[in-house]
Amino acid sequence: MVLVKADDRTSLSHTAKDILLQPTPGEGIGPDRYEPFPLAETTIHSWVHYMESLGEIPTELSE
């Protein structure tokens, strides 16, 4: 899994990561649904630059 639109100004993306890596028993993946979700190291941030470029060709492609 890849987190997208992650807002570093809040704790929501960190909380989501914790839940995906340490799911409540029965809410994970695998045969018994106890295993953590595979989480990519990459995070796509929710930058204002992206919102402002709606309808344009993006030029900032560092992520």
PDB file of N, CA and C in Angstrom:
ATOM      1  N   MET A   1       0.830  -1.156   0.000  1.00  0.00           N
ATOM      2  CA  MET A   1       0.000   0.000   0.000  1.00  0.00           C
ATOM      3  C   MET A   1       0.890   1.239   0.000  1.00  0.00           C
ATOM      4  N   VAL A   2       0.392   2.288  -0.625  1.00  0.00           N
ATOM      5  CA  VAL A   2       1.072   3.585  -0.660  1.00  0.00           C
ATOM      6  C   VAL A   2       0.113   4.621  -0.098  1.00  0.00           C
ATOM      7  N   LEU A   3       0.580   5.395   0.849  1.00  0.00           N
ATOM      8  CA  LEU A   3      -0.254   6.482   1.371  1.00  0.00           C
ATOM      9  C   LEU A   3      -0.175   7.654   0.400  1.00  0.00           C
ATOM     10  N   VAL A   4      -1.333   8.154   0.004  1.00  0.00           N
ATOM     11  CA  VAL A   4      -1.385   9.303  -0.898  1.00  0.00           C
ATOM     12  C   VAL A   4      -2.180  10.422  -0.232  1.00  0.00           C
ATOM     13  N   LYS A   5      -1.925  11.649  -0.665  1.00  0.00           N
ATOM     14  CA  LYS A   5      -2.560  12.841  -0.092  1.00  0.00           C
ATOM     15  C   LYS A   5      -2.311  12.925   1.409  1.00  0.00           C
ATOM     16  N   ALA A   6      -1.126  12.477   1.846  1.00  0.00           N
ATOM     17  CA  ALA A   6      -0.783  12.513   3.266  1.00  0.00           C
ATOM     18  C   ALA A   6      -0.472  13.949   3.679  1.00  0.00           C
ATOM     19  N   ASP A   7      -1.120  14.409   4.711  1.00  0.00           N
ATOM     20  CA  ASP A   7      -0.938  15.774   5.200  1.00  0.00           C
ATOM     21  C   ASP A   7      -0.056  15.730   6.439  1.00  0.00           C
ATOM     22  N   ASP A   8       1.167  16.216   6.327  1.00  0.00           N
ATOM     23  CA  ASP A   8       2.106  16.195   7.444  1.00  0.00           C
ATOM     24  C   ASP A   8       1.751  17.192   8.538  1.00  0.00           C
ATOM     25  N   ARG A   9       0.773  18.045   8.282  1.00  0.00           N
ATOM     26  CA  ARG A   9       0.379  19.027   9.292  1.00  0.00           C
ATOM     27  C   ARG A   9      -0.498  18.403  10.376  1.00  0.00           C
ATOM     28  N   THR A  10      -0.989  17.188  10.135  1.00  0.00           N
ATOM     29  CA  THR A  10      -1.820  16.489  11.113  1.00  0.00           C
ATOM     30  C   THR A  10      -1.184  15.140  11.437  1.00  0.00           C
ATOM     31  N   SER A  11      -1.705  14.468  12.428  1.00  0.00           N
ATOM     32  CA  SER A  11      -1.183  13.150  12.805  1.00  0.00           C
ATOM     33  C   SER A  11      -1.902  12.024  12.067  1.00  0.00           C
ATOM     34  N   LEU A  12      -2.828  12.359  11.179  1.00  0.00           N
ATOM     35  CA  LEU A  12      -3.646  11.349  10.513  1.00  0.00           C
ATOM     36  C   LEU A  12      -2.824  10.347   9.707  1.00  0.00           C
ATOM     37  N   SER A  13      -1.831  10.816   8.945  1.00  0.00           N
ATOM     38  CA  SER A  13      -1.044   9.882   8.134  1.00  0.00           C
ATOM     39  C   SER A  13      -0.208   8.961   9.019  1.00  0.00           C
ATOM     40  N   HIS A  14       0.289   9.464  10.144  1.00  0.00           N
ATOM     41  CA  HIS A  14       1.060   8.627  11.065  1.00  0.00           C
ATOM     42  C   HIS A  14       0.152   7.596  11.740  1.00  0.00           C
ATOM     43  N   THR A  15      -1.054   8.005  12.086  1.00  0.00           N
ATOM     44  CA  THR A  15      -2.023   7.095  12.694  1.00  0.00           C
ATOM     45  C   THR A  15      -2.407   5.999  11.705  1.00  0.00           C
ATOM     46  N   ALA A  16      -2.637   6.374  10.450  1.00  0.00           N
ATOM     47  CA  ALA A  16      -2.991   5.396   9.425  1.00  0.00           C
ATOM     48  C   ALA A  16      -1.864   4.380   9.238  1.00  0.00           C
ATOM     49  N   LYS A  17      -0.624   4.855   9.208  1.00  0.00           N
ATOM     50  CA  LYS A  17       0.531   3.954   9.090  1.00  0.00           C
ATOM     51  C   LYS A  17       0.577   2.964  10.248  1.00  0.00           C
ATOM     52  N   ASP A  18       0.385   3.453  11.464  1.00  0.00           N
ATOM     53  CA  ASP A  18       0.397   2.586  12.642  1.00  0.00           C
ATOM     54  C   ASP A  18      -0.679   1.520  12.562  1.00  0.00           C
ATOM     55  N   ILE A  19      -1.870   1.899  12.135  1.00  0.00           N
ATOM     56  CA  ILE A  19      -2.983   0.948  12.041  1.00  0.00           C
ATOM     57  C   ILE A  19      -2.714  -0.101  10.965  1.00  0.00           C
ATOM     58  N   LEU A  20      -2.147   0.319   9.832  1.00  0.00           N
ATOM     59  CA  LEU A  20      -1.856  -0.627   8.759  1.00  0.00           C
ATOM     60  C   LEU A  20      -0.747  -1.604   9.149  1.00  0.00           C
ATOM     61  N   LEU A  21       0.226  -1.125   9.914  1.00  0.00           N
ATOM     62  CA  LEU A  21       1.357  -1.977  10.302  1.00  0.00           C
ATOM     63  C   LEU A  21       1.065  -2.818  11.542  1.00  0.00           C
ATOM     64  N   GLN A  22       0.098  -2.400  12.347  1.00  0.00           N
ATOM     65  CA  GLN A  22      -0.283  -3.148  13.541  1.00  0.00           C
ATOM     66  C   GLN A  22      -1.809  -3.190  13.630  1.00  0.00           C
ATOM     67  N   PRO A  23      -2.439  -3.956  12.719  1.00  0.00           N
ATOM     68  CA  PRO A  23      -3.908  -3.964  12.675  1.00  0.00           C
ATOM     69  C   PRO A  23      -4.513  -4.636  13.905  1.00  0.00           C
ATOM     70  N   THR A  24      -5.728  -4.255  14.217  1.00  0.00           N
ATOM     71  CA  THR A  24      -6.504  -4.917  15.259  1.00  0.00           C
ATOM     72  C   THR A  24      -6.697  -6.369  14.843  1.00  0.00           C
ATOM     73  N   PRO A  25      -6.600  -7.318  15.769  1.00  0.00           N
ATOM     74  CA  PRO A  25      -6.800  -8.728  15.405  1.00  0.00           C
ATOM     75  C   PRO A  25      -8.092  -8.935  14.617  1.00  0.00           C
ATOM     76  N   GLY A  26      -7.962  -9.606  13.490  1.00  0.00           N
ATOM     77  CA  GLY A  26      -9.108  -9.872  12.626  1.00  0.00           C
ATOM     78  C   GLY A  26      -9.329  -8.815  11.559  1.00  0.00           C
ATOM     79  N   GLU A  27      -8.542  -7.726  11.579  1.00  0.00           N
ATOM     80  CA  GLU A  27      -8.710  -6.656  10.598  1.00  0.00           C
ATOM     81  C   GLU A  27      -7.496  -6.478   9.692  1.00  0.00           C
ATOM     82  N   GLY A  28      -6.556  -7.413   9.753  1.00  0.00           N
ATOM     83  CA  GLY A  28      -5.378  -7.351   8.901  1.00  0.00           C
ATOM     84  C   GLY A  28      -5.584  -8.159   7.631  1.00  0.00           C
ATOM     85  N   ILE A  29      -4.485  -8.674   7.098  1.00  0.00           N
ATOM     86  CA  ILE A  29      -4.576  -9.523   5.912  1.00  0.00           C
ATOM     87  C   ILE A  29      -4.050 -10.907   6.266  1.00  0.00           C
ATOM     88  N   GLY A  30      -4.087 -11.808   5.297  1.00  0.00           N
ATOM     89  CA  GLY A  30      -3.636 -13.169   5.522  1.00  0.00           C
ATOM     90  C   GLY A  30      -4.818 -14.072   5.837  1.00  0.00           C
ATOM     91  N   PRO A  31      -4.559 -15.360   5.947  1.00  0.00           N
ATOM     92  CA  PRO A  31      -5.650 -16.323   6.161  1.00  0.00           C
ATOM     93  C   PRO A  31      -6.493 -16.037   7.404  1.00  0.00           C
ATOM     94  N   ASP A  32      -5.854 -15.612   8.480  1.00  0.00           N
ATOM     95  CA  ASP A  32      -6.594 -15.334   9.713  1.00  0.00           C
ATOM     96  C   ASP A  32      -6.851 -13.847   9.926  1.00  0.00           C
ATOM     97  N   ARG A  33      -6.424 -13.038   8.965  1.00  0.00           N
ATOM     98  CA  ARG A  33      -6.592 -11.579   8.996  1.00  0.00           C
ATOM     99  C   ARG A  33      -5.924 -10.937  10.216  1.00  0.00           C
ATOM    100  N   TYR A  34      -4.716 -11.462  10.552  1.00  0.00           N
ATOM    101  CA  TYR A  34      -3.950 -10.922  11.674  1.00  0.00           C
ATOM    102  C   TYR A  34      -2.659 -10.256  11.219  1.00  0.00           C
ATOM    103  N   GLU A  35      -2.273 -10.438   9.967  1.00  0.00           N
ATOM    104  CA  GLU A  35      -0.992  -9.923   9.481  1.00  0.00           C
ATOM    105  C   GLU A  35      -1.097  -8.452   9.078  1.00  0.00           C
ATOM    106  N   PRO A  36       0.023  -7.713   9.211  1.00  0.00           N
ATOM    107  CA  PRO A  36       0.008  -6.301   8.805  1.00  0.00           C
ATOM    108  C   PRO A  36      -0.080  -6.160   7.291  1.00  0.00           C
ATOM    109  N   PHE A  37      -0.536  -5.012   6.850  1.00  0.00           N
ATOM    110  CA  PHE A  37      -0.611  -4.709   5.431  1.00  0.00           C
ATOM    111  C   PHE A  37       0.781  -4.354   4.913  1.00  0.00           C
ATOM    112  N   PRO A  38       1.124  -4.741   3.685  1.00  0.00           N
ATOM    113  CA  PRO A  38       2.413  -4.323   3.129  1.00  0.00           C
ATOM    114  C   PRO A  38       2.352  -2.828   2.819  1.00  0.00           C
ATOM    115  N   LEU A  39       3.273  -2.077   3.377  1.00  0.00           N
ATOM    116  CA  LEU A  39       3.245  -0.620   3.245  1.00  0.00           C
ATOM    117  C   LEU A  39       4.536  -0.147   2.607  1.00  0.00           C
ATOM    118  N   ALA A  40       4.412   0.588   1.527  1.00  0.00           N
ATOM    119  CA  ALA A  40       5.582   1.120   0.823  1.00  0.00           C
ATOM    120  C   ALA A  40       6.248   2.204   1.660  1.00  0.00           C
ATOM    121  N   GLU A  41       7.538   2.347   1.491  1.00  0.00           N
ATOM    122  CA  GLU A  41       8.286   3.400   2.176  1.00  0.00           C
ATOM    123  C   GLU A  41       7.893   4.782   1.641  1.00  0.00           C
ATOM    124  N   THR A  42       7.470   4.834   0.392  1.00  0.00           N
ATOM    125  CA  THR A  42       7.129   6.098  -0.262  1.00  0.00           C
ATOM    126  C   THR A  42       5.793   6.623   0.241  1.00  0.00           C
ATOM    127  N   THR A  43       5.732   7.912   0.465  1.00  0.00           N
ATOM    128  CA  THR A  43       4.485   8.585   0.821  1.00  0.00           C
ATOM    129  C   THR A  43       4.288   9.746  -0.146  1.00  0.00           C
ATOM    130  N   ILE A  44       3.117   9.835  -0.742  1.00  0.00           N
ATOM    131  CA  ILE A  44       2.786  10.949  -1.632  1.00  0.00           C
ATOM    132  C   ILE A  44       2.075  12.006  -0.786  1.00  0.00           C
ATOM    133  N   HIS A  45       2.704  13.126  -0.632  1.00  0.00           N
ATOM    134  CA  HIS A  45       2.172  14.172   0.238  1.00  0.00           C
ATOM    135  C   HIS A  45       1.084  14.993  -0.455  1.00  0.00           C
ATOM    136  N   SER A  46       0.243  15.589   0.343  1.00  0.00           N
ATOM    137  CA  SER A  46      -0.809  16.468  -0.150  1.00  0.00           C
ATOM    138  C   SER A  46      -0.268  17.891  -0.141  1.00  0.00           C
ATOM    139  N   TRP A  47       0.335  18.292  -1.210  1.00  0.00           N
ATOM    140  CA  TRP A  47       0.935  19.610  -1.303  1.00  0.00           C
ATOM    141  C   TRP A  47      -0.043  20.614  -1.899  1.00  0.00           C
ATOM    142  N   VAL A  48       0.009  21.828  -1.414  1.00  0.00           N
ATOM    143  CA  VAL A  48      -0.816  22.903  -1.964  1.00  0.00           C
ATOM    144  C   VAL A  48      -0.481  23.090  -3.442  1.00  0.00           C
ATOM    145  N   HIS A  49       0.788  22.867  -3.798  1.00  0.00           N
ATOM    146  CA  HIS A  49       1.217  23.000  -5.191  1.00  0.00           C
ATOM    147  C   HIS A  49       0.375  22.107  -6.108  1.00  0.00           C
ATOM    148  N   TYR A  50       0.063  20.898  -5.640  1.00  0.00           N
ATOM    149  CA  TYR A  50      -0.753  19.986  -6.449  1.00  0.00           C
ATOM    150  C   TYR A  50      -2.157  20.531  -6.629  1.00  0.00           C
ATOM    151  N   MET A  51      -2.734  21.064  -5.559  1.00  0.00           N
ATOM    152  CA  MET A  51      -4.096  21.590  -5.647  1.00  0.00           C
ATOM    153  C   MET A  51      -4.161  22.810  -6.557  1.00  0.00           C
ATOM    154  N   GLU A  52      -3.128  23.636  -6.516  1.00  0.00           N
ATOM    155  CA  GLU A  52      -3.117  24.849  -7.336  1.00  0.00           C
ATOM    156  C   GLU A  52      -2.912  24.554  -8.814  1.00  0.00           C
ATOM    157  N   SER A  53      -2.384  23.379  -9.140  1.00  0.00           N
ATOM    158  CA  SER A  53      -2.080  23.063 -10.535  1.00  0.00           C
ATOM    159  C   SER A  53      -3.212  22.310 -11.230  1.00  0.00           C
ATOM    160  N   LEU A  54      -4.393  22.267 -10.631  1.00  0.00           N
ATOM    161  CA  LEU A  54      -5.531  21.582 -11.237  1.00  0.00           C
ATOM    162  C   LEU A  54      -5.789  22.110 -12.645  1.00  0.00           C
ATOM    163  N   GLY A  55      -5.810  21.219 -13.619  1.00  0.00           N
ATOM    164  CA  GLY A  55      -6.047  21.609 -15.002  1.00  0.00           C
ATOM    165  C   GLY A  55      -4.776  21.991 -15.759  1.00  0.00           C
ATOM    166  N   GLU A  56      -3.631  21.918 -15.107  1.00  0.00           N
ATOM    167  CA  GLU A  56      -2.358  22.252 -15.740  1.00  0.00           C
ATOM    168  C   GLU A  56      -1.460  21.010 -15.772  1.00  0.00           C
ATOM    169  N   ILE A  57      -0.434  21.059 -16.556  1.00  0.00           N
ATOM    170  CA  ILE A  57       0.552  19.986 -16.591  1.00  0.00           C
ATOM    171  C   ILE A  57       1.510  20.200 -15.413  1.00  0.00           C
ATOM    172  N   PRO A  58       1.643  19.229 -14.494  1.00  0.00           N
ATOM    173  CA  PRO A  58       2.508  19.427 -13.337  1.00  0.00           C
ATOM    174  C   PRO A  58       3.983  19.516 -13.746  1.00  0.00           C
ATOM    175  N   THR A  59       4.715  20.371 -13.064  1.00  0.00           N
ATOM    176  CA  THR A  59       6.144  20.515 -13.332  1.00  0.00           C
ATOM    177  C   THR A  59       6.984  19.995 -12.175  1.00  0.00           C
ATOM    178  N   GLU A  60       6.430  19.924 -10.973  1.00  0.00           N
ATOM    179  CA  GLU A  60       7.149  19.417  -9.808  1.00  0.00           C
ATOM    180  C   GLU A  60       6.862  17.929  -9.672  1.00  0.00           C
ATOM    181  N   LEU A  61       7.795  17.103 -10.079  1.00  0.00           N
ATOM    182  CA  LEU A  61       7.582  15.652 -10.093  1.00  0.00           C
ATOM    183  C   LEU A  61       8.574  14.924  -9.211  1.00  0.00           C
ATOM    184  N   SER A  62       9.075  15.579  -8.189  1.00  0.00           N
ATOM    185  CA  SER A  62      10.118  14.969  -7.353  1.00  0.00           C
ATOM    186  C   SER A  62       9.620  13.758  -6.578  1.00  0.00           C
ATOM    187  N   GLU A  63       8.344  13.677  -6.266  1.00  0.00           N
ATOM    188  CA  GLU A  63       7.833  12.511  -5.549  1.00  0.00           C
ATOM    189  C   GLU A  63       7.394  11.471  -6.545  1.00  0.00           C
TER     190      GLU A  63
END
